[in-house]
Amino acid sequence: MITILQGSDFHFGKPYLSQVEAAFHKTVLETDPDVIVLTGDFTQRAKIKEYHQAREFLKKLPDIPTIVTPGNHDVPLYRVHERIFSPLRNYRNYVSADLNGFTRVGDVVFVDLCSADPYRAIVNGRLSNKQVEFAARIFQGCSPEDFRILVTHHSLFRPDDGGSDNVMPKSSALLARFRKMGIGLILSGHIHRNCVMKLSSENQIDSTSSETDSVANASLCENLTIVHCGTTTSNRGRMAEKGKNSLNVLQISSYDIVVTPHWFEDDPGCFVARASTTIAR
């Protein structure tokens, strides 16, 4: 079994809440995860001073595998010249030089893809064919026993809560390709709501709100789970999660995935675990 702690949408800058960040670090120590996954929007406006805060935040994390991916707010929106010619320069300098990568922890393989698109789909994000082929090559090299996880910032499926969020372009086709790669879990953020959704073998979504393809591997992805994390340290929660902050703790065994959302509470000033969702692998 491995334990993953997922945080997202930190928004260092005006929306950032320092007292919640302190609670996040406390939860990391208490949870003692094997892997930390941070699904984007480290900054509010991609300013250097915000990235300085993000780097100090990352320095406080324990020395364990930490998977990061940029979000749309990590690209300068209003500094047009910078957005055109060096959109992720500050992210590369202060967070990670790599925009797409992979990590193996035991028999779990993570592929992280940068869905931030500064040119065509800055809000909804986009994944290119080249990125999808990169993921396919990595997963083709996995054994049938490996559990495969995709990490992006933008969402590939909309929660069933009445929100108006748009998903990534060509999301249905992307989900079909990812299922053929044998991906069993997608971790994402962006929508500022915490939600667990299961894509069944009949291509239907069962959802639980918490407040080159490898066709030969298709049998590995009869269950594809999507876990969105809400905003972990900002005041930008949406829908029923306005004014709320969350993170997720996932425990992955050989037979199931247990997702336990944690919500920040002013009293006692920490993240508190809520009811878990268990999904068969």
Protein backbone atom coordinates (compact mmCIF):
# COMPACT_ATOMS: atom_id res chain seq x y z
CA MET A 1 0.00 0.00 0.00
CA ILE A 2 1.15 3.55 -0.70
CA THR A 3 -0.24 6.78 0.70
CA ILE A 4 -0.59 9.89 -1.45
CA LEU A 5 -1.32 13.37 -0.15
CA GLN A 6 -2.87 15.62 -2.80
CA GLY A 7 -3.07 19.40 -2.57
CA SER A 8 -4.03 21.91 -5.23
CA ASP A 9 -4.71 25.53 -6.15
CA PHE A 10 -2.57 27.26 -3.55
CA HIS A 11 -2.76 30.70 -5.20
CA PHE A 12 0.14 32.40 -3.47
CA GLY A 13 -0.67 36.10 -3.75
CA LYS A 14 -3.76 37.95 -2.54
CA PRO A 15 -6.05 34.86 -2.22
CA TYR A 16 -3.48 32.88 -0.17
CA LEU A 17 -4.26 32.04 3.48
CA SER A 18 -1.11 31.63 5.61
CA GLN A 19 -2.89 29.94 8.53
CA VAL A 20 -4.20 27.24 6.21
CA GLU A 21 -0.73 26.63 4.76
CA ALA A 22 0.55 25.97 8.29
CA ALA A 23 -2.23 23.43 8.77
CA PHE A 24 -1.30 21.79 5.46
CA HIS A 25 2.27 21.20 6.58
CA LYS A 26 1.03 19.79 9.88
CA THR A 27 -1.19 17.34 7.99
CA VAL A 28 1.76 16.27 5.84
CA LEU A 29 3.74 15.39 8.96
CA GLU A 30 0.81 13.59 10.59
CA THR A 31 -0.11 11.65 7.45
CA ASP A 32 3.47 10.67 6.61
CA PRO A 33 2.68 10.05 2.90
CA ASP A 34 4.87 8.12 0.50
CA VAL A 35 4.18 10.66 -2.27
CA ILE A 36 2.94 14.26 -2.41
CA VAL A 37 1.03 15.38 -5.51
CA LEU A 38 0.40 19.12 -6.05
CA THR A 39 -1.94 19.75 -8.96
CA GLY A 40 -1.18 23.30 -10.00
CA ASP A 41 -2.01 26.98 -9.55
CA PHE A 42 0.85 27.67 -7.18
CA THR A 43 0.46 31.41 -7.81
CA GLN A 44 -2.33 33.88 -8.48
CA ARG A 45 -0.68 36.00 -11.18
CA ALA A 46 2.63 34.21 -11.89
CA LYS A 47 4.63 37.03 -10.28
CA ILE A 48 8.15 36.47 -9.04
CA LYS A 49 7.25 37.40 -5.46
CA GLU A 50 4.44 34.81 -5.54
CA TYR A 51 6.83 32.20 -6.89
CA HIS A 52 9.24 33.04 -4.06
CA GLN A 53 6.43 32.11 -1.66
CA ALA A 54 5.74 28.90 -3.59
CA ARG A 55 9.40 27.90 -3.47
CA GLU A 56 9.58 28.46 0.30
CA PHE A 57 6.42 26.37 0.64
CA LEU A 58 8.01 23.52 -1.33
CA LYS A 59 11.21 23.70 0.73
CA LYS A 60 9.20 22.88 3.86
CA LEU A 61 7.97 19.57 2.45
CA PRO A 62 9.65 16.33 3.57
CA ASP A 63 12.26 14.67 1.38
CA ILE A 64 9.92 12.29 -0.42
CA PRO A 65 8.78 12.09 -4.07
CA THR A 66 6.80 15.26 -4.82
CA ILE A 67 4.96 15.52 -8.12
CA VAL A 68 4.03 18.99 -9.38
CA THR A 69 2.30 20.34 -12.45
CA PRO A 70 1.53 23.96 -13.46
CA GLY A 71 -1.92 25.48 -13.66
CA ASN A 72 -3.35 28.30 -15.73
CA HIS A 73 -2.65 30.83 -12.95
CA ASP A 74 1.02 29.90 -13.13
CA VAL A 75 1.05 31.59 -16.55
CA PRO A 76 1.02 35.43 -16.70
CA LEU A 77 -2.41 36.43 -17.95
CA TYR A 78 -2.04 40.20 -18.36
CA ARG A 79 1.71 40.42 -19.12
CA VAL A 80 1.01 39.53 -22.75
CA HIS A 81 4.57 39.71 -24.06
CA GLU A 82 5.74 37.34 -21.32
CA ARG A 83 2.79 35.02 -21.85
CA ILE A 84 3.62 34.72 -25.54
CA PHE A 85 7.39 34.34 -25.38
CA SER A 86 8.18 32.84 -21.94
CA PRO A 87 4.89 31.81 -20.32
CA LEU A 88 6.29 29.31 -17.81
CA ARG A 89 9.73 30.82 -17.20
CA ASN A 90 9.00 31.68 -13.58
CA TYR A 91 7.46 28.27 -12.94
CA ARG A 92 10.56 26.57 -14.36
CA ASN A 93 12.86 28.76 -12.28
CA TYR A 94 11.06 28.43 -8.95
CA VAL A 95 8.99 25.23 -8.98
CA SER A 96 10.22 22.70 -11.56
CA ALA A 97 12.23 22.81 -14.76
CA ASP A 98 10.22 19.85 -16.09
CA LEU A 99 6.71 20.34 -17.45
CA ASN A 100 6.00 16.68 -18.22
CA GLY A 101 7.49 13.76 -16.36
CA PHE A 102 7.07 10.41 -14.69
CA THR A 103 7.75 8.96 -11.26
CA ARG A 104 7.76 5.39 -10.01
CA VAL A 105 7.07 4.54 -6.38
CA GLY A 106 7.06 0.77 -5.93
CA ASP A 107 4.47 -0.64 -8.32
CA VAL A 108 2.74 2.72 -8.82
CA VAL A 109 3.70 4.81 -11.86
CA PHE A 110 2.79 8.51 -12.11
CA VAL A 111 2.83 10.54 -15.32
CA ASP A 112 2.36 14.29 -14.93
CA LEU A 113 1.35 16.35 -17.96
CA CYS A 114 1.29 20.15 -18.17
CA SER A 115 -2.26 21.06 -19.21
CA ALA A 116 -1.62 24.83 -18.97
CA ASP A 117 -1.94 26.30 -22.47
CA PRO A 118 -0.98 29.99 -22.59
CA TYR A 119 -2.04 30.44 -26.21
CA ARG A 120 -5.26 28.62 -27.12
CA ALA A 121 -7.02 27.52 -23.94
CA ILE A 122 -5.60 29.40 -21.00
CA VAL A 123 -8.65 28.82 -18.77
CA ASN A 124 -9.74 25.30 -19.73
CA GLY A 125 -6.30 23.92 -20.54
CA ARG A 126 -5.23 21.51 -23.25
CA LEU A 127 -3.16 18.39 -23.79
CA SER A 128 -1.36 17.91 -27.09
CA ASN A 129 -1.02 14.68 -29.04
CA LYS A 130 2.71 14.79 -28.27
CA GLN A 131 1.97 14.80 -24.53
CA VAL A 132 -0.53 11.95 -24.82
CA GLU A 133 2.00 9.93 -26.80
CA PHE A 134 4.60 10.61 -24.10
CA ALA A 135 2.22 9.14 -21.51
CA ALA A 136 1.51 6.16 -23.76
CA ARG A 137 5.22 5.40 -24.13
CA ILE A 138 5.76 5.49 -20.37
CA PHE A 139 2.79 3.27 -19.60
CA GLN A 140 3.65 0.83 -22.40
CA GLY A 141 6.85 0.15 -20.51
CA CYS A 142 4.95 -0.80 -17.34
CA SER A 143 4.13 -4.31 -16.25
CA PRO A 144 0.48 -5.44 -15.98
CA GLU A 145 0.81 -5.34 -12.19
CA ASP A 146 1.76 -1.64 -12.10
CA PHE A 147 -0.93 0.85 -11.10
CA ARG A 148 -0.99 3.86 -13.42
CA ILE A 149 -1.81 7.42 -12.34
CA LEU A 150 -2.12 10.54 -14.48
CA VAL A 151 -1.60 13.99 -12.93
CA THR A 152 -2.89 17.19 -14.59
CA HIS A 153 -4.14 20.54 -13.40
CA HIS A 154 -7.23 20.93 -15.58
CA SER A 155 -10.25 18.71 -15.28
CA LEU A 156 -11.33 16.04 -17.74
CA PHE A 157 -14.79 15.62 -16.27
CA ARG A 158 -17.24 18.05 -14.67
CA PRO A 159 -18.68 17.31 -11.22
CA ASP A 160 -22.42 16.81 -11.08
CA ASP A 161 -23.08 19.80 -8.82
CA GLY A 162 -24.41 22.38 -11.25
CA GLY A 163 -21.11 24.18 -11.72
CA SER A 164 -20.47 25.96 -15.01
CA ASP A 165 -16.86 24.80 -15.36
CA ASN A 166 -15.74 23.74 -18.80
CA VAL A 167 -13.51 20.71 -19.14
CA MET A 168 -10.44 20.32 -21.32
CA PRO A 169 -11.10 20.33 -25.08
CA LYS A 170 -11.58 16.81 -26.50
CA SER A 171 -11.95 15.46 -22.97
CA SER A 172 -14.07 12.46 -24.02
CA ALA A 173 -11.49 11.37 -26.59
CA LEU A 174 -8.69 11.90 -24.06
CA LEU A 175 -10.46 9.79 -21.44
CA ALA A 176 -10.93 7.01 -23.98
CA ARG A 177 -7.23 7.06 -24.83
CA PHE A 178 -6.20 7.12 -21.18
CA ARG A 179 -8.40 4.12 -20.43
CA LYS A 180 -6.71 2.23 -23.26
CA MET A 181 -3.36 2.99 -21.62
CA GLY A 182 -4.56 1.25 -18.48
CA ILE A 183 -4.67 4.40 -16.35
CA GLY A 184 -6.61 3.68 -13.16
CA LEU A 185 -6.54 7.11 -11.49
CA ILE A 186 -6.44 10.75 -12.59
CA LEU A 187 -5.54 13.44 -10.05
CA SER A 188 -6.47 17.03 -10.93
CA GLY A 189 -7.49 20.39 -9.52
CA HIS A 190 -8.57 23.68 -11.14
CA ILE A 191 -12.29 23.58 -10.36
CA HIS A 192 -11.85 24.44 -6.66
CA ARG A 193 -14.14 21.63 -5.54
CA ASN A 194 -13.33 18.30 -3.96
CA CYS A 195 -14.88 15.38 -5.79
CA VAL A 196 -14.36 11.67 -6.47
CA MET A 197 -15.76 10.18 -9.69
CA LYS A 198 -15.62 6.67 -11.11
CA LEU A 199 -15.70 6.05 -14.84
CA SER A 200 -17.20 2.60 -15.25
CA SER A 201 -16.50 0.15 -18.06
CA GLU A 202 -19.75 1.30 -19.69
CA ASN A 203 -18.36 4.87 -19.89
CA GLN A 204 -20.75 6.13 -17.25
CA ILE A 205 -19.64 8.34 -14.38
CA ASP A 206 -20.55 7.57 -10.80
CA SER A 207 -19.65 10.62 -8.70
CA THR A 208 -19.26 11.27 -5.02
CA SER A 209 -18.85 14.88 -3.87
CA SER A 210 -17.10 15.28 -0.51
CA GLU A 211 -18.67 18.92 0.51
CA THR A 212 0.59 5.70 -29.48
CA ASP A 213 -2.25 3.91 -27.18
CA SER A 214 -1.80 0.49 -25.64
CA VAL A 215 -5.01 -1.31 -26.56
CA ALA A 216 -3.62 -4.55 -25.17
CA ASN A 217 -3.85 -3.04 -21.69
CA ALA A 218 -7.53 -2.08 -21.93
CA SER A 219 -8.50 -4.72 -19.38
CA LEU A 220 -6.48 -2.85 -16.76
CA CYS A 221 -8.81 0.15 -16.75
CA GLU A 222 -12.29 -1.19 -16.28
CA ASN A 223 -12.42 1.27 -13.38
CA LEU A 224 -10.97 4.74 -13.96
CA THR A 225 -11.23 7.02 -10.94
CA ILE A 226 -10.98 10.80 -11.16
CA VAL A 227 -10.14 12.72 -7.99
CA HIS A 228 -10.40 16.50 -8.02
CA CYS A 229 -8.88 18.42 -5.13
CA GLY A 230 -10.38 21.70 -4.01
CA THR A 231 -8.32 24.79 -3.25
CA THR A 232 -5.95 23.93 -0.42
CA THR A 233 -4.72 27.34 0.76
CA SER A 234 -6.77 30.11 -0.89
CA ASN A 235 -10.07 31.92 -0.37
CA ARG A 236 -11.29 30.96 -3.87
CA GLY A 237 -13.49 27.94 -3.15
CA ARG A 238 -16.49 27.62 -5.47
CA MET A 239 -20.09 26.47 -5.33
CA ALA A 240 -20.79 24.77 -1.97
CA GLU A 241 -17.09 25.10 -1.13
CA LYS A 242 -16.93 28.89 -0.99
CA GLY A 243 -14.68 29.86 1.89
CA LYS A 244 -13.51 26.27 2.33
CA ASN A 245 -10.17 24.54 1.88
CA SER A 246 -9.41 20.90 1.28
CA LEU A 247 -6.80 18.28 0.52
CA ASN A 248 -7.02 14.55 -0.16
CA VAL A 249 -5.27 11.56 1.33
CA LEU A 250 -5.36 8.47 -0.91
CA GLN A 251 -4.37 4.97 0.11
CA ILE A 252 -3.81 2.59 -2.77
CA SER A 253 -3.64 -1.12 -2.13
CA SER A 254 -3.57 -4.05 -4.53
CA TYR A 255 -7.37 -4.18 -4.59
CA ASP A 256 -8.85 -0.73 -3.87
CA ILE A 257 -8.37 3.05 -3.62
CA VAL A 258 -9.49 4.80 -0.45
CA VAL A 259 -9.90 8.57 -0.81
CA THR A 260 -10.24 10.57 2.40
CA PRO A 261 -10.91 14.29 1.96
CA HIS A 262 -9.66 16.60 4.71
CA TRP A 263 -11.31 19.98 5.31
CA PHE A 264 -9.79 22.93 7.11
CA GLU A 265 -11.69 24.01 10.21
CA ASP A 266 -10.97 27.29 11.99
CA ASP A 267 -11.55 25.58 15.28
CA PRO A 268 -9.29 23.65 15.94
CA GLY A 269 -7.31 25.35 13.14
CA CYS A 270 -6.34 22.22 11.22
CA PHE A 271 -7.44 19.91 8.43
CA VAL A 272 -9.97 17.35 9.65
CA ALA A 273 -10.66 14.03 7.90
CA ARG A 274 -14.17 13.43 6.57
CA ALA A 275 -15.89 10.28 5.33
CA SER A 276 -13.82 8.18 2.94
CA THR A 277 -14.78 6.85 -0.48
CA THR A 278 -13.57 3.35 -1.38
CA ILE A 279 -13.36 2.30 -5.03
CA ALA A 280 -12.24 -1.10 -6.31
CA ARG A 281 -9.21 -1.06 -8.58
